[in-house]
Amino acid sequence: MAGRPGIIILREGTDTSQGKPQLISNINACQAVADVVKTTLGPRGMDKLIFDGRHVTISNDGATIMRLLDIAHPAAKTLVDISMSQDAEVGDGTTSVVLLAGSMLKSIKPFVEEGVHPQIIIRNIRTAAKLAVQKVRDLAVPYDINTPEGEDMLIKCASTSLNSKLISGHQDLFSPMIVEAVKSLHNAGALDEIKALIAIKKIPGGDVRASFLVRGVAFKKTFSYAGFEQMTKKFEKPKILLLNVELELKSEKENAEVRIENPEEYQSIVDAEWQVIYDKLDACVDSGANIVLSKLPIGDLATQYFADRGMFCAGRVEDGDLKRVSKATGGTIQTSTNGLYDGVLGTCGKFEEKRVGDERFNVFEDCPESLTSTMVLRGGSEQFIAESERSVHDALMVVKRCLKSKAVVAGGGAVEMEVSKYLRAHALTIEGKGQLIISAFAKSLEVVPQQLCDNAGFDATDILSALRRKHFQDEDGKWFGVDIEAGDICDTFESGVWEPSDNKCNSLAAAAEAACVILSIDETVVNPRSQDPGAGGQGAQMQQQRPMSNMMGNAMDAVNAQHGGSRSGNLGNGVSYLKGRGGG
């Protein structure tokens, strides 16, 4: 009796599946997800329109599509995670990583069906992934970013990233802007703060070619009060005061009580309120500032006060914009107007309020710290501008990764074909099941050039055969990939289709890891939803509120178990309750 295993009683309606059928089911689910995004790969990839009930999103960015898809299958959500990690780590290649993971699972599915143990498959996939990543590092071409050739390399990497995007026809405009913005951060050693220091502003209307880069900070005109139009809107070398202070009269609290003896005392209280705000305004003026920016509101009194003195002010400035101004101008954000001095003020070469489309922008240029940049995007519709922003973000991250890795590989499926050739050759040197699994892994890498051909409407069989022949027979064939323009093969390195080596390394490692995670799952348990929507929350709340009763319950369980019983019902030895599954 003592050695009898315990029985876990699951809640009625719990869905459990295990063994080979559920593993194959998980692989099929991942393939279905990969099939959704595979048509978005490459320069000829199609877009997806996703409507969530409120907003319409048109995109071919893998991470955006994966995030917006409401994937219910628990194992298939792994592909969403690797797409998100690729977006956070590299910024580009989010479709490729999902496609590679789906292809790897598809190629090893026959081994699962034939009864090969998952751990043998996992071990060989990890070996193949390690060899593939090392091969990419060996193939990578280093370069010096401080030379003109290095800058040309960065521009071509940005152009390659934009190739598959909606704004691919405007690479000549966006690529130099993106490289200039990221290089300014690199020179200042602030590359990791790229999201905080490079702002992207969207203005609907106008032509996409009207987009421009501000070498400084630009933000949309904030809410303004009467007197705003009388302000000076242009300054040369102004002094800038940055505040986190409210510059308007505050209303009394509802429960405030003031006891006075005569009416004259009430007037003194009103005068004191006015004196407080005037003291703050005088302190700002006396500091010598020409421009006052605050994260909190600047009221109509302060607006008129500053306008009369030839100053400019803006309240309710967004936190990110205020921090960028602080970084660019060298100013310090103040939480009080007391004790202001020259050291806390920032400055810039030129400030101007400009009209861009239907909006007004406050623009700070020629800043002493050339850290911050602002890209202003124009376009005909909100969906187009939103997709342009995602495209620019990907290109920014690619250039950042180029500056960190200082090495590139050829795109267009060339590096995948070369790694595939290397793994096939390596597989012949080993014995047993591993040889077949590594060969299947090598074949799965060919999905990238194959899908590039399919999306462009070319015959994938002919082009893949030509690529295999070129890579296996010619010494100088390692950089040959798909020629999207001519429907043939070409040296993509010579054509300027370049990607950071880290991009490919991360894609291969993440896709292999996702495949291993899927293969390591031997049972899936899906709990049914509670019929009472608040049951889970109430249970947790009661648990927090009554820790003593839980302790008593556990103690009662222990005592009753010694007597061979249970605190509810008459279940015997070897039967236990599982919390949250209908038990105590």
Protein backbone atom coordinates (compact mmCIF):
# COMPACT_ATOMS: atom_id res chain seq x y z
CA MET A 1 0.00 0.00 0.00
CA ALA A 2 2.83 2.40 0.86
CA GLY A 3 4.36 2.19 -2.61
CA ARG A 4 1.13 2.88 -4.52
CA PRO A 5 1.42 6.02 -6.70
CA GLY A 6 -0.86 8.99 -5.91
CA ILE A 7 -3.82 9.78 -8.13
CA ILE A 8 -4.24 13.33 -9.36
CA ILE A 9 -7.89 14.24 -9.78
CA LEU A 10 -8.25 16.86 -12.53
CA ARG A 11 -11.18 19.18 -12.84
CA GLU A 12 -13.94 17.91 -15.08
CA GLY A 13 -13.44 19.13 -18.64
CA THR A 14 -9.63 19.31 -18.45
CA ASP A 15 -8.11 18.43 -21.81
CA THR A 16 -5.02 16.23 -21.63
CA SER A 17 -3.08 14.77 -24.53
CA GLN A 18 0.27 13.03 -24.49
CA GLY A 19 2.63 10.89 -26.49
CA LYS A 20 3.43 10.93 -30.17
CA PRO A 21 0.00 12.21 -31.41
CA GLN A 22 0.12 15.40 -29.36
CA LEU A 23 3.76 16.04 -30.36
CA ILE A 24 2.79 15.77 -34.03
CA SER A 25 -0.22 18.01 -33.30
CA ASN A 26 2.13 20.67 -31.84
CA ILE A 27 4.38 20.46 -34.91
CA ASN A 28 1.36 20.84 -37.22
CA ALA A 29 0.19 23.91 -35.26
CA CYS A 30 3.62 25.56 -35.61
CA GLN A 31 3.64 24.82 -39.34
CA ALA A 32 0.22 26.48 -39.66
CA VAL A 33 1.56 29.64 -37.99
CA ALA A 34 4.64 29.67 -40.24
CA ASP A 35 2.37 29.29 -43.30
CA VAL A 36 0.54 32.49 -42.29
CA VAL A 37 3.66 34.70 -42.37
CA LYS A 38 5.74 32.96 -45.07
CA THR A 39 4.23 35.02 -47.91
CA THR A 40 5.55 38.25 -46.33
CA LEU A 41 9.23 37.28 -46.74
CA GLY A 42 11.55 39.23 -49.00
CA PRO A 43 11.30 42.20 -51.38
CA ARG A 44 8.31 40.65 -53.18
CA GLY A 45 6.52 39.64 -49.99
CA MET A 46 2.83 40.43 -49.64
CA ASP A 47 1.22 42.45 -46.84
CA LYS A 48 -1.31 41.26 -44.28
CA LEU A 49 -4.39 43.25 -43.26
CA ILE A 50 -5.37 42.56 -39.65
CA PHE A 51 -8.56 43.98 -38.12
CA ASP A 52 -8.94 43.54 -34.36
CA GLY A 53 -12.43 45.02 -34.12
CA ARG A 54 -11.20 48.61 -33.65
CA HIS A 55 -7.99 49.21 -35.59
CA VAL A 56 -6.85 48.17 -39.04
CA THR A 57 -3.16 47.24 -39.40
CA ILE A 58 -1.51 46.67 -42.77
CA SER A 59 1.97 45.22 -42.38
CA ASN A 60 4.48 42.65 -43.61
CA ASP A 61 6.60 42.87 -40.46
CA GLY A 62 6.77 39.40 -38.94
CA ALA A 63 6.84 40.55 -35.31
CA THR A 64 3.85 42.88 -35.80
CA ILE A 65 1.78 40.16 -37.47
CA MET A 66 2.67 37.56 -34.84
CA ARG A 67 1.77 39.99 -32.06
CA LEU A 68 -1.61 40.84 -33.57
CA LEU A 69 -2.56 37.24 -34.39
CA ASP A 70 -4.68 35.85 -31.57
CA ILE A 71 -2.99 32.44 -31.47
CA ALA A 72 -4.88 30.07 -29.16
CA HIS A 73 -2.68 26.96 -29.46
CA PRO A 74 -0.31 26.95 -26.45
CA ALA A 75 2.66 25.33 -28.27
CA ALA A 76 2.35 27.59 -31.33
CA LYS A 77 2.76 30.63 -29.05
CA THR A 78 6.44 29.65 -28.83
CA LEU A 79 6.86 31.01 -32.36
CA VAL A 80 5.37 34.33 -31.23
CA ASP A 81 7.98 34.46 -28.45
CA ILE A 82 10.95 33.86 -30.77
CA SER A 83 9.64 36.46 -33.20
CA MET A 84 9.40 38.99 -30.34
CA SER A 85 12.89 38.11 -29.10
CA GLN A 86 14.33 38.54 -32.61
CA ASP A 87 12.63 41.94 -32.85
CA ALA A 88 14.04 43.03 -29.49
CA GLU A 89 17.54 41.65 -30.07
CA VAL A 90 18.17 42.44 -33.75
CA GLY A 91 15.10 44.29 -35.05
CA ASP A 92 14.93 42.52 -38.42
CA GLY A 93 14.57 38.90 -39.54
CA THR A 94 11.37 38.34 -37.56
CA THR A 95 9.69 36.52 -40.46
CA SER A 96 12.79 34.44 -41.24
CA VAL A 97 13.08 33.11 -37.71
CA VAL A 98 9.46 31.87 -37.68
CA LEU A 99 9.90 30.36 -41.14
CA LEU A 100 13.12 28.57 -40.13
CA ALA A 101 11.55 27.15 -36.96
CA GLY A 102 8.51 25.88 -38.92
CA SER A 103 10.76 24.35 -41.58
CA MET A 104 12.97 22.61 -38.99
CA LEU A 105 9.92 21.05 -37.34
CA LYS A 106 8.54 19.98 -40.71
CA SER A 107 11.81 18.30 -41.71
CA ILE A 108 12.10 16.30 -38.47
CA LYS A 109 8.42 15.34 -38.29
CA PRO A 110 9.07 12.02 -40.16
CA PHE A 111 11.58 11.00 -37.47
CA VAL A 112 8.96 11.60 -34.76
CA GLU A 113 6.40 9.58 -36.68
CA GLU A 114 8.87 6.71 -37.07
CA GLY A 115 9.47 6.57 -33.31
CA VAL A 116 12.88 8.25 -32.91
CA HIS A 117 13.16 9.46 -29.33
CA PRO A 118 12.74 13.27 -29.07
CA GLN A 119 15.88 13.64 -26.95
CA ILE A 120 18.03 12.16 -29.75
CA ILE A 121 16.49 14.65 -32.19
CA ILE A 122 16.97 17.57 -29.77
CA ARG A 123 20.61 16.68 -29.15
CA ASN A 124 21.42 16.60 -32.86
CA ILE A 125 19.45 19.80 -33.61
CA ARG A 126 21.48 21.64 -30.97
CA THR A 127 24.70 20.26 -32.45
CA ALA A 128 23.65 21.36 -35.95
CA ALA A 129 22.61 24.83 -34.71
CA LYS A 130 25.96 25.34 -32.97
CA LEU A 131 27.82 24.33 -36.15
CA ALA A 132 25.59 26.61 -38.26
CA VAL A 133 26.14 29.66 -36.03
CA GLN A 134 29.91 29.06 -36.03
CA LYS A 135 29.91 28.74 -39.82
CA VAL A 136 28.08 32.08 -40.18
CA ARG A 137 30.69 33.72 -37.94
CA ASP A 138 33.47 32.21 -40.08
CA LEU A 139 31.80 33.45 -43.28
CA ALA A 140 31.21 37.00 -41.95
CA VAL A 141 33.19 39.79 -43.62
CA PRO A 142 34.59 42.34 -41.12
CA TYR A 143 34.85 46.02 -41.98
CA ASP A 144 35.99 49.32 -40.48
CA ILE A 145 33.05 51.63 -39.87
CA ASN A 146 35.26 54.73 -39.77
CA THR A 147 36.16 54.52 -43.47
CA PRO A 148 33.98 55.67 -46.40
CA GLU A 149 33.63 52.00 -47.39
CA GLY A 150 32.37 51.23 -43.89
CA GLU A 151 29.72 53.94 -44.11
CA ASP A 152 28.69 52.61 -47.51
CA MET A 153 28.36 49.17 -45.91
CA LEU A 154 26.02 50.61 -43.26
CA ILE A 155 23.85 52.32 -45.88
CA LYS A 156 23.59 49.08 -47.88
CA CYS A 157 22.61 47.13 -44.74
CA ALA A 158 19.87 49.71 -44.02
CA SER A 159 18.73 49.47 -47.65
CA THR A 160 18.60 45.66 -47.45
CA SER A 161 16.37 45.93 -44.38
CA LEU A 162 14.07 48.40 -46.19
CA ASN A 163 13.99 46.22 -49.33
CA SER A 164 11.10 44.13 -48.08
CA LYS A 165 9.17 47.07 -46.63
CA LEU A 166 6.45 49.35 -47.91
CA ILE A 167 8.95 52.21 -48.34
CA SER A 168 11.44 50.11 -50.35
CA GLY A 169 11.19 52.57 -53.26
CA HIS A 170 12.56 55.38 -51.08
CA GLN A 171 15.75 53.74 -49.78
CA ASP A 172 17.86 56.60 -51.17
CA LEU A 173 16.03 59.00 -48.82
CA PHE A 174 15.71 56.93 -45.65
CA SER A 175 18.95 54.89 -45.55
CA PRO A 176 21.35 57.89 -45.22
CA MET A 177 19.03 59.48 -42.63
CA ILE A 178 18.95 56.29 -40.55
CA VAL A 179 22.73 55.78 -40.72
CA GLU A 180 23.41 59.41 -39.75
CA ALA A 181 21.07 59.20 -36.75
CA VAL A 182 22.57 55.94 -35.44
CA LYS A 183 26.19 56.95 -36.06
CA SER A 184 25.73 60.09 -33.95
CA LEU A 185 24.78 57.82 -31.03
CA HIS A 186 27.66 55.46 -31.74
CA ASN A 187 30.18 58.31 -31.70
CA ALA A 188 28.85 59.43 -28.32
CA GLY A 189 28.86 55.88 -26.91
CA ALA A 190 25.09 55.84 -26.36
CA LEU A 191 24.11 53.13 -28.86
CA ASP A 192 22.09 51.16 -26.31
CA GLU A 193 19.77 54.14 -25.76
CA ILE A 194 18.65 54.21 -29.38
CA LYS A 195 14.93 53.95 -28.56
CA ALA A 196 15.06 56.80 -26.06
CA LEU A 197 17.26 59.18 -28.07
CA ILE A 198 15.94 58.74 -31.62
CA ALA A 199 12.31 59.82 -31.88
CA ILE A 200 9.99 59.05 -34.78
CA LYS A 201 7.12 61.50 -35.31
CA LYS A 202 4.24 60.78 -37.70
CA ILE A 203 2.33 63.48 -39.60
CA PRO A 204 -0.46 62.30 -41.96
CA GLY A 205 -0.65 64.05 -45.31
CA GLY A 206 1.89 65.06 -47.89
CA ASP A 207 4.31 62.96 -49.88
CA VAL A 208 6.54 60.34 -48.26
CA ARG A 209 9.53 62.13 -49.87
CA ALA A 210 8.73 65.10 -47.63
CA SER A 211 9.97 63.12 -44.61
CA PHE A 212 13.07 64.65 -43.01
CA LEU A 213 15.59 64.25 -40.21
CA VAL A 214 16.09 66.86 -37.49
CA ARG A 215 19.59 66.76 -35.98
CA GLY A 216 18.27 67.63 -32.58
CA VAL A 217 14.78 67.45 -31.06
CA ALA A 218 11.38 68.15 -32.58
CA PHE A 219 7.98 67.65 -30.97
CA LYS A 220 4.44 68.62 -31.78
CA LYS A 221 3.14 71.93 -30.39
CA THR A 222 1.50 71.27 -27.04
CA PHE A 223 -1.85 72.55 -25.78
CA SER A 224 -1.66 76.33 -25.50
CA TYR A 225 -3.62 79.11 -23.78
CA ALA A 226 -4.51 82.65 -24.76
CA GLY A 227 -1.46 84.77 -25.43
CA PHE A 228 0.43 81.97 -27.14
CA GLU A 229 0.35 83.67 -30.55
CA GLN A 230 2.08 86.74 -29.11
CA MET A 231 5.15 84.76 -28.14
CA THR A 232 8.48 84.92 -29.93
CA LYS A 233 8.69 81.79 -32.09
CA LYS A 234 12.32 81.96 -33.19
CA PHE A 235 15.56 82.25 -31.20
CA GLU A 236 19.28 82.11 -31.96
CA LYS A 237 21.33 80.45 -29.20
CA PRO A 238 18.56 80.59 -26.58
CA LYS A 239 18.83 79.55 -22.95
CA ILE A 240 16.37 76.76 -22.17
CA LEU A 241 14.79 76.06 -18.76
CA LEU A 242 13.30 72.59 -18.25
CA LEU A 243 10.77 72.16 -15.44
CA ASN A 244 8.61 69.56 -13.81
CA VAL A 245 6.57 72.29 -12.13
CA GLU A 246 2.98 73.44 -12.55
CA LEU A 247 2.82 77.14 -13.49
CA GLU A 248 -0.84 77.97 -12.91
CA LEU A 249 -3.15 78.91 -10.07
CA LYS A 250 -4.20 75.85 -8.12
CA SER A 251 -7.79 75.54 -6.95
CA GLU A 252 -8.39 74.90 -3.27
CA LYS A 253 -8.92 71.36 -2.08
CA GLU A 254 -12.54 70.42 -1.43
CA ASN A 255 -11.95 69.88 2.26
CA ALA A 256 -9.80 72.99 2.76
CA GLU A 257 -11.00 75.21 5.59
CA VAL A 258 -9.79 78.74 6.33
CA ARG A 259 -11.13 80.66 9.35
CA ILE A 260 -10.99 84.43 9.16
CA GLU A 261 -12.06 87.21 11.52
CA ASN A 262 -12.95 89.87 8.94
CA PRO A 263 -13.31 90.19 5.12
CA GLU A 264 -9.94 91.92 4.71
CA GLU A 265 -8.17 88.75 5.78
CA TYR A 266 -9.79 86.83 2.91
CA GLN A 267 -8.24 89.29 0.46
CA SER A 268 -4.81 88.64 1.96
CA ILE A 269 -5.29 84.89 1.34
CA VAL A 270 -6.16 85.54 -2.34
CA ASP A 271 -3.15 87.86 -2.65
CA ALA A 272 -0.88 85.18 -1.19
CA GLU A 273 -2.07 82.66 -3.82
CA TRP A 274 -1.27 85.12 -6.60
CA GLN A 275 2.07 85.92 -5.00
CA VAL A 276 3.07 82.24 -5.06
CA ILE A 277 2.56 81.96 -8.83
CA TYR A 278 4.22 85.34 -9.48
CA ASP A 279 7.26 84.30 -7.43
CA LYS A 280 7.63 81.20 -9.63
CA LEU A 281 7.30 83.23 -12.82
CA ASP A 282 9.77 85.88 -11.62
CA ALA A 283 12.28 83.13 -10.77
CA CYS A 284 11.99 81.74 -14.33
CA VAL A 285 12.50 85.19 -15.87
CA ASP A 286 15.38 86.08 -13.53
CA SER A 287 17.22 82.88 -14.46
CA GLY A 288 17.85 84.39 -17.90
CA ALA A 289 15.97 81.68 -19.81
CA ASN A 290 14.43 82.45 -23.21
CA ILE A 291 12.46 79.20 -23.48
CA VAL A 292 10.57 77.49 -20.65
CA LEU A 293 9.38 73.90 -21.10
CA SER A 294 7.44 72.00 -18.46
CA LYS A 295 6.08 68.49 -18.17
CA LEU A 296 3.13 69.92 -16.19
CA PRO A 297 0.59 72.55 -17.34
CA ILE A 298 1.59 76.18 -17.92
CA GLY A 299 -1.60 78.24 -17.48
CA ASP A 300 -2.93 81.32 -19.29
CA LEU A 301 -1.49 83.73 -16.72
CA ALA A 302 2.04 82.32 -17.14
CA THR A 303 1.69 82.18 -20.94
CA GLN A 304 0.77 85.88 -21.11
CA TYR A 305 3.45 86.76 -18.55
CA PHE A 306 6.19 85.11 -20.61
CA ALA A 307 4.82 86.52 -23.90
CA ASP A 308 5.03 90.07 -22.51
CA ARG A 309 8.72 89.49 -21.78
CA GLY A 310 9.59 88.10 -25.22
CA MET A 311 9.93 84.50 -24.03
CA PHE A 312 8.56 81.19 -25.30
CA CYS A 313 6.90 78.54 -23.14
CA ALA A 314 5.25 75.14 -23.61
CA GLY A 315 3.49 73.03 -20.98
CA ARG A 316 2.37 69.41 -20.94
CA VAL A 317 5.48 68.34 -22.88
CA GLU A 318 5.70 64.55 -23.08
CA ASP A 319 8.20 62.95 -20.73
CA GLY A 320 10.24 61.36 -23.56
CA ASP A 321 10.48 64.64 -25.48
CA LEU A 322 11.54 66.57 -22.36
CA LYS A 323 14.28 64.04 -21.62
CA ARG A 324 15.52 64.22 -25.21
CA VAL A 325 15.69 68.04 -24.98
CA SER A 326 17.61 67.65 -21.72
CA LYS A 327 20.11 65.27 -23.32
CA ALA A 328 20.56 67.41 -26.44
CA THR A 329 20.82 70.85 -24.83
CA GLY A 330 22.65 69.90 -21.66
CA GLY A 331 19.88 71.30 -19.43
CA THR A 332 18.73 69.72 -16.19
CA ILE A 333 15.04 69.13 -15.42
CA GLN A 334 14.12 71.10 -12.30
CA THR A 335 11.39 70.18 -9.81
CA SER A 336 11.39 73.64 -8.20
CA THR A 337 11.84 77.23 -9.35
CA ASN A 338 13.96 78.08 -6.32
CA GLY A 339 17.70 78.51 -6.71
CA LEU A 340 17.86 78.49 -10.51
CA TYR A 341 21.29 79.32 -11.98
CA ASP A 342 23.08 79.19 -15.34
CA GLY A 343 24.36 75.67 -14.80
CA VAL A 344 20.89 74.10 -15.03
CA LEU A 345 19.97 75.86 -18.27
CA GLY A 346 20.42 74.20 -21.65
CA THR A 347 21.15 75.80 -24.98
CA CYS A 348 21.04 75.09 -28.71
CA GLY A 349 22.12 76.82 -31.90
CA LYS A 350 18.62 77.59 -33.18
CA PHE A 351 15.03 77.19 -32.00
CA GLU A 352 12.03 77.69 -34.24
CA GLU A 353 8.37 76.76 -34.34
CA LYS A 354 7.80 75.34 -37.84
CA ARG A 355 4.67 74.29 -39.65
CA VAL A 356 4.81 70.73 -41.02
CA GLY A 357 1.63 69.81 -42.87
CA ASP A 358 -1.30 70.76 -40.64
CA GLU A 359 0.79 70.57 -37.48
CA ARG A 360 3.19 72.94 -35.77
CA PHE A 361 6.48 71.57 -34.47
CA ASN A 362 8.91 73.00 -31.92
CA VAL A 363 12.35 72.31 -33.39
CA PHE A 364 15.68 72.52 -31.53
CA GLU A 365 18.67 72.34 -33.90
CA ASP A 366 22.48 72.62 -33.67
CA CYS A 367 22.49 71.23 -30.14
CA PRO A 368 25.82 70.99 -28.27
CA GLU A 369 25.29 67.28 -27.59
CA SER A 370 24.76 65.62 -30.98
CA LEU A 371 23.06 62.65 -29.35
CA THR A 372 19.40 63.04 -30.22
CA SER A 373 17.71 62.93 -33.60
CA THR A 374 14.09 63.14 -34.66
CA MET A 375 12.71 61.58 -37.84
CA VAL A 376 9.53 63.19 -39.12
CA LEU A 377 7.58 60.82 -41.36
CA ARG A 378 4.98 61.96 -43.90
CA GLY A 379 2.49 59.88 -45.84
CA GLY A 380 -1.00 59.72 -47.28
CA SER A 381 -2.74 57.50 -44.72
CA GLU A 382 -2.33 56.53 -41.09
CA GLN A 383 -1.77 52.86 -41.99
CA PHE A 384 1.00 53.81 -44.44
CA ILE A 385 2.76 56.02 -41.88
CA ALA A 386 2.43 53.36 -39.16
CA GLU A 387 4.04 50.78 -41.45
CA SER A 388 6.75 53.33 -42.39
CA GLU A 389 7.52 53.76 -38.70
CA ARG A 390 7.88 49.99 -38.23
CA SER A 391 10.14 49.82 -41.30
CA VAL A 392 12.37 52.65 -40.05
CA HIS A 393 12.54 51.03 -36.59
CA ASP A 394 13.76 47.75 -38.14
CA ALA A 395 16.40 49.57 -40.20
CA LEU A 396 17.58 51.54 -37.14
CA MET A 397 18.05 48.30 -35.20
CA VAL A 398 19.89 46.68 -38.13
CA VAL A 399 22.36 49.58 -38.37
CA LYS A 400 22.83 49.45 -34.59
CA ARG A 401 23.60 45.73 -34.84
CA CYS A 402 26.03 46.40 -37.73
CA LEU A 403 27.91 48.93 -35.63
CA LYS A 404 28.17 46.42 -32.78
CA SER A 405 29.12 43.32 -34.77
CA LYS A 406 31.26 45.13 -37.39
CA ALA A 407 30.71 42.17 -39.74
CA VAL A 408 28.22 41.37 -42.50
CA VAL A 409 27.09 38.42 -44.60
CA ALA A 410 25.27 38.29 -47.94
CA GLY A 411 21.48 38.08 -47.97
CA GLY A 412 19.12 36.66 -50.58
CA GLY A 413 19.40 33.12 -49.19
CA ALA A 414 23.15 32.90 -49.95
CA VAL A 415 24.33 32.34 -46.38
CA GLU A 416 21.59 29.76 -45.73
CA MET A 417 22.66 27.77 -48.83
CA GLU A 418 26.32 27.87 -47.82
CA VAL A 419 25.56 26.74 -44.24
CA SER A 420 23.28 24.00 -45.64
CA LYS A 421 26.14 22.75 -47.85
CA TYR A 422 28.52 22.76 -44.86
CA LEU A 423 26.09 20.79 -42.64
CA ARG A 424 25.40 18.20 -45.38
CA ALA A 425 29.15 17.60 -45.70
CA HIS A 426 29.50 17.38 -41.90
CA ALA A 427 26.62 14.88 -41.65
CA LEU A 428 28.55 12.41 -43.83
CA THR A 429 31.33 12.30 -41.23
CA ILE A 430 29.13 10.96 -38.42
CA GLU A 431 27.27 7.69 -37.94
CA GLY A 432 23.84 6.68 -36.77
CA LYS A 433 20.58 8.61 -36.60
CA GLY A 434 22.42 11.90 -36.11
CA GLN A 435 23.52 11.84 -39.75
CA LEU A 436 19.92 11.83 -40.97
CA ILE A 437 18.75 14.47 -38.47
CA ILE A 438 21.59 16.90 -39.31
CA SER A 439 20.93 16.36 -43.03
CA ALA A 440 17.24 17.17 -42.44
CA PHE A 441 18.29 20.30 -40.52
CA ALA A 442 20.50 21.33 -43.46
CA LYS A 443 17.62 20.85 -45.91
CA SER A 444 15.30 22.95 -43.71
CA LEU A 445 17.58 26.01 -44.19
CA GLU A 446 16.75 26.04 -47.89
CA VAL A 447 13.27 27.31 -47.02
CA VAL A 448 14.55 30.93 -47.13
CA PRO A 449 15.69 31.00 -50.81
CA GLN A 450 12.75 28.76 -51.73
CA GLN A 451 10.23 31.15 -50.20
CA LEU A 452 11.95 34.18 -51.77
CA CYS A 453 11.41 32.52 -55.17
CA ASP A 454 7.79 31.54 -54.42
CA ASN A 455 6.91 35.07 -53.27
CA ALA A 456 8.45 36.58 -56.40
CA GLY A 457 6.59 34.13 -58.66
CA PHE A 458 9.70 32.26 -59.84
CA ASP A 459 10.21 28.51 -60.22
CA ALA A 460 11.79 27.59 -56.89
CA THR A 461 12.89 24.11 -58.09
CA ASP A 462 15.06 25.44 -60.92
CA ILE A 463 16.62 28.23 -58.89
CA LEU A 464 17.36 26.00 -55.88
CA SER A 465 18.99 23.43 -58.17
CA ALA A 466 21.16 26.16 -59.70
CA LEU A 467 22.10 27.43 -56.23
CA ARG A 468 23.02 23.96 -54.96
CA ARG A 469 25.17 23.37 -58.04
CA LYS A 470 26.90 26.75 -57.70
CA HIS A 471 27.63 26.34 -53.96
CA PHE A 472 28.87 22.73 -54.29
CA GLN A 473 30.97 23.06 -57.44
CA ASP A 474 32.45 26.57 -57.45
CA GLU A 475 34.98 27.85 -54.94
CA ASP A 476 33.72 31.42 -55.39
CA GLY A 477 30.04 30.45 -55.19
CA LYS A 478 29.55 30.96 -51.46
CA TRP A 479 27.78 34.33 -51.84
CA PHE A 480 25.36 33.30 -54.57
CA GLY A 481 21.69 33.79 -53.74
CA VAL A 482 18.37 34.55 -55.39
CA ASP A 483 18.31 37.41 -57.93
CA ILE A 484 14.86 38.89 -57.33
CA GLU A 485 15.10 41.27 -60.29
CA ALA A 486 16.09 38.78 -63.01
CA GLY A 487 14.54 35.59 -61.62
CA ASP A 488 17.93 33.85 -61.56
CA ILE A 489 20.92 33.51 -59.24
CA CYS A 490 23.60 36.14 -58.63
CA ASP A 491 26.42 37.11 -56.26
CA THR A 492 24.31 38.95 -53.68
CA PHE A 493 27.41 40.28 -51.90
CA GLU A 494 28.45 42.08 -55.09
CA SER A 495 24.84 43.28 -55.51
CA GLY A 496 24.96 45.00 -52.12
CA VAL A 497 22.40 42.76 -50.37
CA TRP A 498 24.07 42.69 -46.95
CA GLU A 499 22.90 41.84 -43.46
CA PRO A 500 24.60 41.92 -40.04
CA SER A 501 26.10 38.53 -39.18
CA ASP A 502 24.45 38.76 -35.74
CA ASN A 503 21.06 38.81 -37.48
CA LYS A 504 21.63 35.36 -39.04
CA CYS A 505 23.28 33.92 -35.93
CA ASN A 506 20.37 34.99 -33.74
CA SER A 507 17.80 33.66 -36.26
CA LEU A 508 19.41 30.22 -36.44
CA ALA A 509 19.92 29.91 -32.69
CA ALA A 510 16.40 31.10 -31.81
CA ALA A 511 14.70 28.90 -34.43
CA ALA A 512 16.62 25.81 -33.29
CA GLU A 513 15.85 26.55 -29.65
CA ALA A 514 12.13 26.91 -30.43
CA ALA A 515 12.15 23.57 -32.29
CA CYS A 516 13.82 21.92 -29.29
CA VAL A 517 11.22 23.40 -26.91
CA ILE A 518 8.37 22.03 -29.03
CA LEU A 519 10.02 18.58 -29.22
CA SER A 520 10.63 18.45 -25.47
CA ILE A 521 6.89 18.69 -24.66
CA ASP A 522 5.49 15.20 -23.97
CA GLU A 523 2.14 16.18 -22.50
CA THR A 524 -0.24 19.14 -22.88
CA VAL A 525 -2.77 19.90 -20.13
CA VAL A 526 -5.37 22.58 -20.89
CA ASN A 527 -7.44 23.59 -17.89
CA PRO A 528 -11.08 24.53 -18.53
CA ARG A 529 -12.19 28.07 -17.84
CA SER A 530 -13.96 28.56 -14.54
CA GLN A 531 -17.74 29.00 -14.89
CA ASP A 532 -17.50 31.85 -12.38
CA PRO A 533 -15.43 34.62 -14.07
CA GLY A 534 -14.29 36.01 -10.72
CA ALA A 535 -13.54 32.68 -9.10
CA GLY A 536 -9.79 32.78 -9.69
CA GLY A 537 -9.38 36.34 -8.50
CA GLN A 538 -11.62 35.83 -5.44
CA GLY A 539 -9.72 32.67 -4.52
CA ALA A 540 -6.41 34.47 -4.67
CA GLN A 541 -7.86 37.40 -2.70
CA MET A 542 -9.21 35.11 0.01
CA GLN A 543 -5.85 33.36 0.13
CA GLN A 544 -4.15 36.69 0.78
CA GLN A 545 -6.70 37.81 3.35
CA ARG A 546 -6.85 34.58 5.34
CA PRO A 547 -3.38 33.07 5.60
CA MET A 548 -4.13 31.63 9.04
CA SER A 549 -7.11 29.59 7.81
CA ASN A 550 -4.94 28.14 5.01
CA MET A 551 -2.31 27.16 7.54
CA MET A 552 -4.98 25.53 9.67
CA GLY A 553 -6.33 23.71 6.63
CA ASN A 554 -2.88 22.33 5.82
CA ALA A 555 -2.41 21.26 9.41
CA MET A 556 -5.81 19.49 9.35
CA ASP A 557 -4.82 17.70 6.16
CA ALA A 558 -1.64 16.45 7.78
CA VAL A 559 -3.46 15.18 10.89
CA ASN A 560 -6.26 13.53 8.93
CA ALA A 561 -3.76 11.88 6.59
CA GLN A 562 -2.10 10.22 9.60
CA HIS A 563 -5.47 8.72 10.51
CA GLY A 564 -5.97 7.44 6.97
CA GLY A 565 -8.67 9.89 6.01
CA SER A 566 -9.24 13.31 4.52
CA ARG A 567 -10.83 16.52 5.69
CA SER A 568 -13.69 16.19 3.18
CA GLY A 569 -15.23 13.00 1.85
CA ASN A 570 -14.01 9.49 2.55
CA LEU A 571 -11.07 9.11 0.14
CA GLY A 572 -8.60 6.48 1.25
CA ASN A 573 -4.83 6.09 1.26
CA GLY A 574 -2.94 7.00 -1.92
CA VAL A 575 -5.59 9.50 -3.09
CA SER A 576 -4.74 13.18 -2.82
CA TYR A 577 -6.30 16.45 -3.88
CA LEU A 578 -4.57 18.77 -6.31
CA LYS A 579 -5.19 22.42 -5.44
CA GLY A 580 -7.01 24.35 -8.14
CA ARG A 581 -8.31 21.22 -9.81
CA GLY A 582 -11.49 20.71 -7.82
CA GLY A 583 -9.69 19.76 -4.62
CA GLY A 584 -9.13 21.54 -1.34
